[in-house]
N, C-alpha and C. Protein backbone atom coordinates (compact mmCIF):
# COMPACT_ATOMS: atom_id res chain seq x y z
N UNK A 1 28.52 85.25 96.52
CA UNK A 1 28.81 85.24 97.96
C UNK A 1 28.83 86.69 98.46
N UNK A 2 28.10 86.94 99.49
CA UNK A 2 28.09 88.28 100.07
C UNK A 2 28.68 88.25 101.46
N UNK A 3 29.26 89.35 101.86
CA UNK A 3 29.92 89.40 103.17
C UNK A 3 29.57 90.71 103.87
N UNK A 4 29.12 90.61 105.10
CA UNK A 4 28.84 91.79 105.92
C UNK A 4 29.90 91.83 107.01
N UNK A 5 30.65 92.89 107.05
CA UNK A 5 31.70 93.04 108.05
C UNK A 5 31.25 94.07 109.07
N UNK A 6 31.22 93.67 110.33
CA UNK A 6 30.72 94.53 111.40
C UNK A 6 31.82 94.73 112.42
N UNK A 7 32.04 95.98 112.75
CA UNK A 7 33.04 96.32 113.76
C UNK A 7 32.32 96.97 114.92
N UNK A 8 32.22 96.27 116.02
CA UNK A 8 31.52 96.81 117.18
C UNK A 8 32.42 96.75 118.40
N UNK A 9 31.82 96.99 119.57
CA UNK A 9 32.62 97.06 120.79
C UNK A 9 33.20 95.70 121.19
N UNK A 10 32.68 94.62 120.62
CA UNK A 10 33.20 93.29 120.93
C UNK A 10 34.29 92.86 119.95
N UNK A 11 34.58 93.68 118.99
CA UNK A 11 35.58 93.33 118.01
C UNK A 11 34.99 93.30 116.61
N UNK A 12 35.72 92.70 115.71
CA UNK A 12 35.29 92.64 114.33
C UNK A 12 34.82 91.23 114.00
N UNK A 13 33.66 91.12 113.38
CA UNK A 13 33.14 89.82 113.00
C UNK A 13 32.40 89.94 111.68
N UNK A 14 32.12 88.81 111.06
CA UNK A 14 31.53 88.81 109.74
C UNK A 14 30.34 87.88 109.69
N UNK A 15 29.41 88.22 108.79
CA UNK A 15 28.28 87.36 108.47
C UNK A 15 28.32 87.14 106.97
N UNK A 16 28.33 85.88 106.57
CA UNK A 16 28.39 85.58 105.14
C UNK A 16 27.09 84.92 104.70
N UNK A 17 26.73 85.11 103.46
CA UNK A 17 25.52 84.52 102.92
C UNK A 17 25.74 84.19 101.44
N UNK A 18 25.07 83.17 100.95
CA UNK A 18 25.24 82.76 99.56
C UNK A 18 24.27 83.45 98.64
N UNK A 19 23.30 84.17 99.20
CA UNK A 19 22.33 84.87 98.35
C UNK A 19 21.84 86.10 99.08
N UNK A 20 21.37 87.05 98.30
CA UNK A 20 20.84 88.28 98.86
C UNK A 20 19.34 88.35 98.59
N UNK A 21 18.61 88.78 99.60
CA UNK A 21 17.18 88.99 99.40
C UNK A 21 16.90 90.42 98.95
N UNK A 22 17.92 91.22 98.88
CA UNK A 22 17.76 92.61 98.49
C UNK A 22 17.56 93.53 99.67
N UNK A 23 17.33 92.97 100.85
CA UNK A 23 17.16 93.79 102.05
C UNK A 23 17.76 93.04 103.22
N UNK A 24 18.59 93.72 103.97
CA UNK A 24 19.21 93.13 105.15
C UNK A 24 18.85 93.98 106.34
N UNK A 25 18.38 93.38 107.37
CA UNK A 25 18.03 94.12 108.58
C UNK A 25 18.96 93.71 109.70
N UNK A 26 19.63 94.68 110.29
CA UNK A 26 20.55 94.44 111.39
C UNK A 26 20.10 95.23 112.60
N UNK A 27 20.21 94.61 113.74
CA UNK A 27 19.89 95.30 114.98
C UNK A 27 21.19 95.52 115.73
N UNK A 28 21.61 96.75 115.82
CA UNK A 28 22.90 97.09 116.39
C UNK A 28 22.73 98.20 117.42
N UNK A 29 23.65 98.23 118.37
CA UNK A 29 23.65 99.27 119.38
C UNK A 29 24.98 100.01 119.32
N UNK A 30 24.95 101.20 118.81
CA UNK A 30 26.15 102.06 118.78
C UNK A 30 27.34 101.35 118.11
N UNK A 31 27.07 100.68 117.03
CA UNK A 31 28.14 99.98 116.32
C UNK A 31 28.52 100.72 115.05
N UNK A 32 29.76 100.55 114.63
CA UNK A 32 30.20 101.05 113.34
C UNK A 32 30.06 99.89 112.35
N UNK A 33 29.30 100.09 111.30
CA UNK A 33 28.98 98.99 110.41
C UNK A 33 29.48 99.29 109.00
N UNK A 34 30.02 98.25 108.39
CA UNK A 34 30.49 98.37 107.01
C UNK A 34 29.94 97.18 106.23
N UNK A 35 29.34 97.45 105.10
CA UNK A 35 28.80 96.41 104.24
C UNK A 35 29.71 96.25 103.04
N UNK A 36 30.17 95.04 102.83
CA UNK A 36 31.05 94.76 101.69
C UNK A 36 30.37 93.69 100.83
N UNK A 37 30.21 93.96 99.54
CA UNK A 37 29.58 93.04 98.62
C UNK A 37 30.63 92.54 97.64
N UNK A 38 30.67 91.24 97.46
CA UNK A 38 31.65 90.65 96.56
C UNK A 38 31.39 91.08 95.12
N UNK A 39 32.45 91.10 94.33
CA UNK A 39 32.33 91.45 92.91
C UNK A 39 31.50 90.41 92.15
N UNK A 40 31.46 89.18 92.69
CA UNK A 40 30.70 88.13 92.02
C UNK A 40 29.22 88.19 92.35
N UNK A 41 28.84 89.07 93.25
CA UNK A 41 27.43 89.15 93.63
C UNK A 41 26.63 89.88 92.54
N UNK A 42 25.38 89.46 92.33
CA UNK A 42 24.55 90.16 91.34
C UNK A 42 24.09 91.53 91.83
N UNK A 43 24.39 91.85 93.07
CA UNK A 43 23.99 93.13 93.64
C UNK A 43 25.23 93.95 93.94
N UNK A 44 25.02 95.23 94.06
CA UNK A 44 26.08 96.12 94.51
C UNK A 44 25.72 96.64 95.89
N UNK A 45 26.63 97.37 96.49
CA UNK A 45 26.39 97.89 97.84
C UNK A 45 25.18 98.82 97.86
N UNK A 46 24.95 99.53 96.74
CA UNK A 46 23.81 100.46 96.69
C UNK A 46 22.48 99.72 96.65
N UNK A 47 22.52 98.44 96.27
CA UNK A 47 21.27 97.67 96.18
C UNK A 47 20.83 97.11 97.53
N UNK A 48 21.70 97.19 98.51
CA UNK A 48 21.40 96.60 99.81
C UNK A 48 20.82 97.67 100.72
N UNK A 49 19.63 97.40 101.21
CA UNK A 49 18.96 98.33 102.13
C UNK A 49 19.25 97.91 103.56
N UNK A 50 19.83 98.82 104.31
CA UNK A 50 20.20 98.54 105.69
C UNK A 50 19.25 99.30 106.61
N UNK A 51 18.63 98.57 107.52
CA UNK A 51 17.74 99.19 108.51
C UNK A 51 18.36 99.00 109.87
N UNK A 52 18.67 100.09 110.53
CA UNK A 52 19.26 100.01 111.87
C UNK A 52 18.19 100.37 112.88
N UNK A 53 18.03 99.53 113.88
CA UNK A 53 17.04 99.78 114.93
C UNK A 53 17.71 99.74 116.27
N UNK A 54 17.12 100.42 117.21
CA UNK A 54 17.66 100.49 118.57
C UNK A 54 16.53 100.19 119.53
N UNK A 55 16.12 98.94 119.54
CA UNK A 55 14.99 98.54 120.37
C UNK A 55 15.52 97.88 121.63
N UNK A 56 15.81 98.68 122.60
CA UNK A 56 16.41 98.15 123.82
C UNK A 56 15.33 97.88 124.86
N UNK A 57 14.62 96.80 124.67
CA UNK A 57 13.54 96.49 125.58
C UNK A 57 13.95 95.71 126.79
N UNK A 58 15.19 95.25 126.82
CA UNK A 58 15.62 94.45 127.95
C UNK A 58 16.92 95.02 128.50
N UNK A 59 17.25 94.56 129.67
CA UNK A 59 18.43 95.07 130.34
C UNK A 59 19.70 94.48 129.75
N UNK A 60 20.68 95.32 129.30
CA UNK A 60 21.92 94.77 128.79
C UNK A 60 22.76 94.10 129.86
N UNK A 61 22.52 94.42 131.12
CA UNK A 61 23.30 93.81 132.19
C UNK A 61 22.87 92.37 132.43
N UNK A 62 21.59 92.12 132.38
CA UNK A 62 21.07 90.79 132.68
C UNK A 62 20.38 90.14 131.48
N UNK A 63 20.33 90.81 130.34
CA UNK A 63 19.65 90.24 129.19
C UNK A 63 18.14 90.27 129.38
N UNK A 64 17.47 89.22 128.95
CA UNK A 64 16.02 89.16 129.05
C UNK A 64 15.54 88.95 130.47
N UNK A 65 16.36 88.57 131.28
CA UNK A 65 15.84 88.44 132.62
C UNK A 65 16.70 87.66 133.42
N UNK A 66 17.11 87.58 134.52
CA UNK A 66 16.43 86.73 135.47
C UNK A 66 15.35 87.54 136.15
N UNK A 67 14.12 87.46 135.65
CA UNK A 67 13.05 88.28 136.24
C UNK A 67 12.73 87.85 137.66
N UNK A 68 13.19 86.66 138.06
CA UNK A 68 12.96 86.23 139.44
C UNK A 68 13.67 87.17 140.41
N UNK A 69 14.65 87.94 139.93
CA UNK A 69 15.33 88.89 140.81
C UNK A 69 14.39 89.98 141.31
N UNK A 70 13.24 90.14 140.67
CA UNK A 70 12.28 91.14 141.13
C UNK A 70 11.19 90.52 142.00
N UNK A 71 11.22 89.23 142.19
CA UNK A 71 10.30 88.55 143.11
C UNK A 71 11.03 87.93 144.29
N UNK A 72 12.23 87.42 144.06
CA UNK A 72 12.97 86.72 145.10
C UNK A 72 13.24 87.56 146.35
N UNK A 73 13.62 88.86 146.23
CA UNK A 73 13.85 89.64 147.45
C UNK A 73 12.61 89.73 148.34
N UNK A 74 11.45 89.89 147.72
CA UNK A 74 10.22 89.98 148.50
C UNK A 74 9.95 88.67 149.23
N UNK A 75 10.11 87.56 148.51
CA UNK A 75 9.87 86.25 149.11
C UNK A 75 10.86 85.98 150.23
N UNK A 76 12.14 86.25 149.99
CA UNK A 76 13.15 86.02 151.02
C UNK A 76 12.94 86.93 152.23
N UNK A 77 12.55 88.18 151.98
CA UNK A 77 12.31 89.11 153.09
C UNK A 77 11.17 88.65 153.97
N UNK A 78 10.08 88.24 153.34
CA UNK A 78 8.93 87.75 154.11
C UNK A 78 9.28 86.47 154.86
N UNK A 79 10.05 85.60 154.22
CA UNK A 79 10.45 84.35 154.87
C UNK A 79 11.35 84.62 156.08
N UNK A 80 12.32 85.53 155.90
CA UNK A 80 13.23 85.86 157.00
C UNK A 80 12.48 86.47 158.17
N UNK A 81 11.54 87.38 157.87
CA UNK A 81 10.75 88.01 158.94
C UNK A 81 9.88 86.98 159.65
N UNK A 82 9.28 86.08 158.88
CA UNK A 82 8.41 85.07 159.49
C UNK A 82 9.21 84.15 160.40
N UNK A 83 10.37 83.68 159.92
CA UNK A 83 11.19 82.79 160.74
C UNK A 83 11.71 83.50 161.97
N UNK A 84 12.10 84.76 161.82
CA UNK A 84 12.68 85.51 162.93
C UNK A 84 11.63 85.94 163.96
N UNK A 85 10.57 86.58 163.48
CA UNK A 85 9.60 87.18 164.39
C UNK A 85 8.61 86.17 164.98
N UNK A 86 8.34 85.09 164.25
CA UNK A 86 7.37 84.10 164.73
C UNK A 86 8.03 82.91 165.42
N UNK A 87 9.34 82.98 165.55
CA UNK A 87 10.09 81.91 166.23
C UNK A 87 9.76 80.52 165.67
N UNK A 88 9.78 80.43 164.36
CA UNK A 88 9.44 79.16 163.71
C UNK A 88 10.50 78.10 163.94
N UNK A 89 11.69 78.51 164.35
CA UNK A 89 12.77 77.55 164.59
C UNK A 89 12.97 77.28 166.08
N UNK A 90 11.98 77.57 166.87
CA UNK A 90 12.10 77.37 168.32
C UNK A 90 12.36 75.92 168.71
N UNK A 91 11.89 74.91 167.96
CA UNK A 91 12.22 73.53 168.33
C UNK A 91 13.71 73.20 168.22
N UNK A 92 14.47 73.99 167.46
CA UNK A 92 15.90 73.72 167.28
C UNK A 92 16.71 74.49 168.32
N UNK A 93 17.97 74.16 168.41
CA UNK A 93 18.85 74.86 169.35
C UNK A 93 19.03 76.31 168.92
N UNK A 94 19.44 77.13 169.86
CA UNK A 94 19.58 78.56 169.58
C UNK A 94 20.65 78.82 168.53
N UNK A 95 21.71 78.04 168.53
CA UNK A 95 22.78 78.26 167.55
C UNK A 95 22.30 77.95 166.13
N UNK A 96 21.51 76.90 165.98
CA UNK A 96 20.98 76.56 164.65
C UNK A 96 19.99 77.63 164.21
N UNK A 97 19.12 78.02 165.12
CA UNK A 97 18.13 79.05 164.78
C UNK A 97 18.82 80.34 164.38
N UNK A 98 19.85 80.74 165.13
CA UNK A 98 20.58 81.97 164.82
C UNK A 98 21.24 81.89 163.45
N UNK A 99 21.86 80.75 163.15
CA UNK A 99 22.55 80.59 161.87
C UNK A 99 21.57 80.65 160.70
N UNK A 100 20.40 80.03 160.85
CA UNK A 100 19.42 80.03 159.77
C UNK A 100 18.87 81.44 159.55
N UNK A 101 18.55 82.13 160.64
CA UNK A 101 18.00 83.49 160.52
C UNK A 101 19.02 84.43 159.89
N UNK A 102 20.26 84.37 160.35
CA UNK A 102 21.31 85.22 159.78
C UNK A 102 21.51 84.88 158.30
N UNK A 103 21.50 83.60 157.97
CA UNK A 103 21.65 83.19 156.58
C UNK A 103 20.52 83.72 155.71
N UNK A 104 19.30 83.69 156.24
CA UNK A 104 18.16 84.21 155.48
C UNK A 104 18.27 85.71 155.27
N UNK A 105 18.67 86.44 156.31
CA UNK A 105 18.79 87.89 156.17
C UNK A 105 19.91 88.27 155.19
N UNK A 106 21.03 87.55 155.24
CA UNK A 106 22.11 87.84 154.30
C UNK A 106 21.70 87.49 152.87
N UNK A 107 21.01 86.37 152.72
CA UNK A 107 20.52 86.00 151.39
C UNK A 107 19.56 87.06 150.86
N UNK A 108 18.69 87.52 151.75
CA UNK A 108 17.75 88.59 151.38
C UNK A 108 18.50 89.84 150.93
N UNK A 109 19.52 90.23 151.68
CA UNK A 109 20.25 91.45 151.36
C UNK A 109 20.96 91.32 150.01
N UNK A 110 21.67 90.22 149.80
CA UNK A 110 22.43 90.08 148.56
C UNK A 110 21.53 89.99 147.34
N UNK A 111 20.46 89.22 147.43
CA UNK A 111 19.53 89.09 146.30
C UNK A 111 18.83 90.42 146.05
N UNK A 112 18.53 91.15 147.11
CA UNK A 112 17.87 92.45 146.95
C UNK A 112 18.77 93.46 146.26
N UNK A 113 20.07 93.42 146.57
CA UNK A 113 21.02 94.32 145.90
C UNK A 113 21.03 94.05 144.40
N UNK A 114 21.13 92.78 144.02
CA UNK A 114 21.11 92.45 142.59
C UNK A 114 19.77 92.79 141.97
N UNK A 115 18.69 92.60 142.74
CA UNK A 115 17.38 92.96 142.22
C UNK A 115 17.25 94.45 141.97
N UNK A 116 17.79 95.26 142.86
CA UNK A 116 17.75 96.71 142.68
C UNK A 116 18.60 97.13 141.48
N UNK A 117 19.76 96.50 141.31
CA UNK A 117 20.60 96.79 140.14
C UNK A 117 19.87 96.42 138.85
N UNK A 118 19.21 95.29 138.87
CA UNK A 118 18.46 94.86 137.69
C UNK A 118 17.33 95.85 137.38
N UNK A 119 16.60 96.26 138.41
CA UNK A 119 15.51 97.21 138.22
C UNK A 119 16.03 98.52 137.64
N UNK A 120 17.09 99.06 138.25
CA UNK A 120 17.63 100.33 137.77
C UNK A 120 18.11 100.22 136.34
N UNK A 121 18.87 99.18 136.04
CA UNK A 121 19.45 99.03 134.71
C UNK A 121 18.38 98.82 133.66
N UNK A 122 17.37 98.03 133.99
CA UNK A 122 16.31 97.76 133.03
C UNK A 122 15.48 99.01 132.77
N UNK A 123 15.12 99.74 133.84
CA UNK A 123 14.33 100.95 133.66
C UNK A 123 15.12 102.02 132.92
N UNK A 124 16.40 102.17 133.24
CA UNK A 124 17.23 103.15 132.54
C UNK A 124 17.37 102.80 131.07
N UNK A 125 17.44 101.52 130.76
CA UNK A 125 17.53 101.10 129.37
C UNK A 125 16.25 101.41 128.61
N UNK A 126 15.12 101.19 129.25
CA UNK A 126 13.84 101.47 128.60
C UNK A 126 13.67 102.96 128.30
N UNK A 127 14.23 103.82 129.15
CA UNK A 127 14.10 105.25 128.91
C UNK A 127 14.88 105.71 127.68
N UNK A 128 15.80 104.87 127.20
CA UNK A 128 16.59 105.22 126.02
C UNK A 128 15.92 104.75 124.73
N UNK A 129 14.77 104.11 124.84
CA UNK A 129 14.06 103.65 123.65
C UNK A 129 12.96 104.65 123.31
N UNK A 130 12.24 104.36 122.23
CA UNK A 130 11.14 105.23 121.82
C UNK A 130 9.79 104.67 122.29
N UNK A 131 9.82 103.81 123.30
CA UNK A 131 8.57 103.26 123.82
C UNK A 131 7.78 104.33 124.57
N UNK A 132 6.49 104.11 124.65
CA UNK A 132 5.63 105.08 125.34
C UNK A 132 5.90 105.09 126.84
N UNK A 133 6.18 103.92 127.39
CA UNK A 133 6.42 103.83 128.84
C UNK A 133 7.89 104.14 129.11
N UNK A 134 8.13 105.20 129.85
CA UNK A 134 9.48 105.64 130.19
C UNK A 134 9.63 105.64 131.71
N UNK A 135 9.88 104.49 132.32
CA UNK A 135 9.94 104.43 133.79
C UNK A 135 11.17 105.13 134.34
N UNK A 136 10.97 105.85 135.43
CA UNK A 136 12.07 106.51 136.12
C UNK A 136 12.59 105.56 137.20
N UNK A 137 13.80 105.01 137.06
CA UNK A 137 14.28 104.03 138.04
C UNK A 137 14.40 104.60 139.44
N UNK A 138 14.73 105.89 139.54
CA UNK A 138 14.90 106.48 140.87
C UNK A 138 13.59 106.57 141.64
N UNK A 139 12.48 106.65 140.93
CA UNK A 139 11.19 106.66 141.61
C UNK A 139 10.99 105.37 142.39
N UNK A 140 11.30 104.25 141.76
CA UNK A 140 11.13 102.95 142.41
C UNK A 140 12.16 102.75 143.53
N UNK A 141 13.36 103.26 143.33
CA UNK A 141 14.39 103.08 144.35
C UNK A 141 14.11 103.95 145.57
N UNK A 142 13.72 105.21 145.36
CA UNK A 142 13.45 106.10 146.49
C UNK A 142 12.21 105.66 147.26
N UNK A 143 11.14 105.33 146.54
CA UNK A 143 9.93 104.87 147.23
C UNK A 143 10.19 103.56 147.97
N UNK A 144 10.99 102.68 147.36
CA UNK A 144 11.35 101.44 148.04
C UNK A 144 12.19 101.70 149.27
N UNK A 145 13.11 102.67 149.18
CA UNK A 145 13.93 103.02 150.34
C UNK A 145 13.11 103.56 151.49
N UNK A 146 12.14 104.41 151.17
CA UNK A 146 11.26 104.94 152.22
C UNK A 146 10.45 103.82 152.86
N UNK A 147 9.94 102.92 152.02
CA UNK A 147 9.12 101.82 152.54
C UNK A 147 9.93 100.89 153.44
N UNK A 148 11.14 100.53 152.99
CA UNK A 148 11.99 99.64 153.80
C UNK A 148 12.38 100.31 155.11
N UNK A 149 12.72 101.60 155.06
CA UNK A 149 13.07 102.33 156.28
C UNK A 149 11.89 102.39 157.23
N UNK A 150 10.68 102.60 156.69
CA UNK A 150 9.49 102.63 157.53
C UNK A 150 9.20 101.29 158.17
N UNK A 151 9.34 100.21 157.40
CA UNK A 151 9.11 98.86 157.94
C UNK A 151 10.13 98.54 159.02
N UNK A 152 11.38 98.87 158.77
CA UNK A 152 12.42 98.62 159.75
C UNK A 152 12.18 99.42 161.03
N UNK A 153 11.70 100.65 160.88
CA UNK A 153 11.42 101.47 162.05
C UNK A 153 10.28 100.88 162.87
N UNK A 154 9.25 100.37 162.19
CA UNK A 154 8.14 99.75 162.90
C UNK A 154 8.55 98.48 163.63
N UNK A 155 9.44 97.71 163.02
CA UNK A 155 9.84 96.43 163.61
C UNK A 155 10.87 96.59 164.71
N UNK A 156 11.83 97.49 164.50
CA UNK A 156 12.94 97.62 165.45
C UNK A 156 12.86 98.91 166.24
N UNK A 157 12.40 99.97 165.60
CA UNK A 157 12.34 101.26 166.25
C UNK A 157 13.60 102.06 166.05
N UNK A 158 13.55 103.32 166.39
CA UNK A 158 14.70 104.21 166.29
C UNK A 158 15.29 104.41 167.67
N UNK A 159 16.55 104.80 167.76
CA UNK A 159 17.15 105.03 169.08
C UNK A 159 16.46 106.15 169.84
N UNK A 160 16.32 105.94 171.14
CA UNK A 160 15.71 106.96 171.97
C UNK A 160 16.62 108.18 172.07
N UNK A 161 16.00 109.32 172.17
CA UNK A 161 16.80 110.54 172.29
C UNK A 161 16.21 111.64 171.44
N UNK A 162 16.98 112.66 171.23
CA UNK A 162 16.52 113.82 170.49
C UNK A 162 16.60 113.55 168.99
N UNK A 163 16.12 114.51 168.22
CA UNK A 163 16.14 114.40 166.77
C UNK A 163 17.57 114.33 166.23
N UNK A 164 18.53 114.79 167.03
CA UNK A 164 19.93 114.76 166.60
C UNK A 164 20.39 113.32 166.35
N UNK A 165 19.88 112.37 167.11
CA UNK A 165 20.24 110.97 166.91
C UNK A 165 19.19 110.24 166.07
N UNK A 166 17.95 110.72 166.09
CA UNK A 166 16.89 110.03 165.37
C UNK A 166 17.00 110.22 163.87
N UNK A 167 17.26 111.45 163.43
CA UNK A 167 17.34 111.75 161.99
C UNK A 167 18.48 110.99 161.31
N UNK A 168 19.69 110.98 161.87
CA UNK A 168 20.76 110.18 161.23
C UNK A 168 20.42 108.69 161.17
N UNK A 169 19.75 108.19 162.23
CA UNK A 169 19.39 106.78 162.23
C UNK A 169 18.40 106.46 161.11
N UNK A 170 17.40 107.32 160.94
CA UNK A 170 16.43 107.08 159.86
C UNK A 170 17.08 107.28 158.49
N UNK A 171 17.99 108.24 158.40
CA UNK A 171 18.70 108.46 157.13
C UNK A 171 19.52 107.23 156.75
N UNK A 172 20.15 106.61 157.76
CA UNK A 172 20.91 105.39 157.49
C UNK A 172 20.01 104.26 157.03
N UNK A 173 18.84 104.13 157.66
CA UNK A 173 17.88 103.12 157.24
C UNK A 173 17.39 103.39 155.82
N UNK A 174 17.22 104.66 155.48
CA UNK A 174 16.76 105.02 154.14
C UNK A 174 17.79 104.64 153.08
N UNK A 175 19.07 104.89 153.38
CA UNK A 175 20.13 104.55 152.42
C UNK A 175 20.17 103.04 152.19
N UNK A 176 20.13 102.28 153.29
CA UNK A 176 20.12 100.82 153.16
C UNK A 176 18.85 100.37 152.44
N UNK A 177 17.74 101.05 152.74
CA UNK A 177 16.48 100.71 152.08
C UNK A 177 16.53 100.93 150.59
N UNK A 178 17.23 101.97 150.14
CA UNK A 178 17.37 102.22 148.70
C UNK A 178 18.17 101.11 148.03
N UNK A 179 19.16 100.59 148.75
CA UNK A 179 19.98 99.52 148.19
C UNK A 179 19.16 98.25 147.98
N UNK A 180 18.23 97.99 148.90
CA UNK A 180 17.41 96.77 148.80
C UNK A 180 15.97 97.11 148.39
N UNK A 181 15.80 98.21 147.68
CA UNK A 181 14.46 98.70 147.33
C UNK A 181 13.65 97.70 146.52
N UNK A 182 14.33 96.84 145.78
CA UNK A 182 13.61 95.87 144.94
C UNK A 182 12.76 94.92 145.75
N UNK A 183 13.04 94.79 147.05
CA UNK A 183 12.24 93.92 147.89
C UNK A 183 10.80 94.42 147.98
N UNK A 184 10.61 95.73 147.81
CA UNK A 184 9.26 96.31 147.89
C UNK A 184 8.73 96.65 146.50
N UNK A 185 9.54 97.34 145.72
CA UNK A 185 9.05 97.85 144.44
C UNK A 185 9.36 96.94 143.25
N UNK A 186 10.17 95.90 143.46
CA UNK A 186 10.51 95.01 142.36
C UNK A 186 9.30 94.36 141.71
N UNK A 187 8.45 93.67 142.48
CA UNK A 187 7.27 93.06 141.86
C UNK A 187 6.34 94.08 141.21
N UNK A 188 6.21 95.25 141.82
CA UNK A 188 5.36 96.30 141.25
C UNK A 188 5.90 96.74 139.90
N UNK A 189 7.23 96.96 139.85
CA UNK A 189 7.85 97.38 138.60
C UNK A 189 7.67 96.32 137.52
N UNK A 190 7.89 95.05 137.88
CA UNK A 190 7.80 93.99 136.88
C UNK A 190 6.39 93.86 136.33
N UNK A 191 5.40 93.96 137.20
CA UNK A 191 4.01 93.87 136.74
C UNK A 191 3.66 95.04 135.83
N UNK A 192 4.08 96.25 136.21
CA UNK A 192 3.84 97.42 135.35
C UNK A 192 4.58 97.29 134.03
N UNK A 193 5.79 96.77 134.09
CA UNK A 193 6.58 96.61 132.87
C UNK A 193 5.89 95.69 131.89
N UNK A 194 5.44 94.57 132.38
CA UNK A 194 4.78 93.61 131.50
C UNK A 194 3.50 94.20 130.92
N UNK A 195 2.74 94.89 131.77
CA UNK A 195 1.48 95.46 131.31
C UNK A 195 1.71 96.52 130.23
N UNK A 196 2.65 97.43 130.47
CA UNK A 196 2.89 98.53 129.53
C UNK A 196 3.53 98.05 128.24
N UNK A 197 4.49 97.13 128.34
CA UNK A 197 5.19 96.69 127.14
C UNK A 197 4.30 95.82 126.25
N UNK A 198 3.42 95.04 126.87
CA UNK A 198 2.47 94.26 126.07
C UNK A 198 1.52 95.21 125.34
N UNK A 199 1.05 96.26 126.04
CA UNK A 199 0.17 97.24 125.42
C UNK A 199 0.89 98.02 124.34
N UNK A 200 2.17 98.33 124.61
CA UNK A 200 2.98 99.12 123.66
C UNK A 200 3.24 98.35 122.38
N UNK A 201 3.43 97.03 122.51
CA UNK A 201 3.69 96.22 121.32
C UNK A 201 2.44 96.06 120.48
């Protein structure tokens, strides 16, 4: 009987086995590991080869995905704009139309925030690996913020007046745009991620 005792950030746990293959491979992230071999085992601790790898290809915050978080903001944003700007709810009363449009915009905002967090966390995690593709999460967030601010400016416009009022208004749109940047850059990031990681593997 062999026993592997692992002490990591989640606590202490054990893996037991009735036989040894002579090689044990563990995938751990910043864990303190101790291998204990029973006296009844035909092997000793020196006979066990331990391979530690740090292949962080996915986001620790969300695991393997909800990858839909990088598509849903775009879909919700387009849907909200279509319903709002094209008056698709004109057959309904104004109160119903208002409630649906507000609900769509809030849904878009909340899903976009989680999408941006997922994008940042996943890209930052990939930069800690030895993969060839090392995406900079801030590139996607800043470019997304500029794009969202530009779209909002085209649709709504900036307040009339001098640059003293125009620059703060655009800066505010840029900050909000960075928060919901995944609505623009999320699908681009996901497509690039899949392409590069498949090639890298």
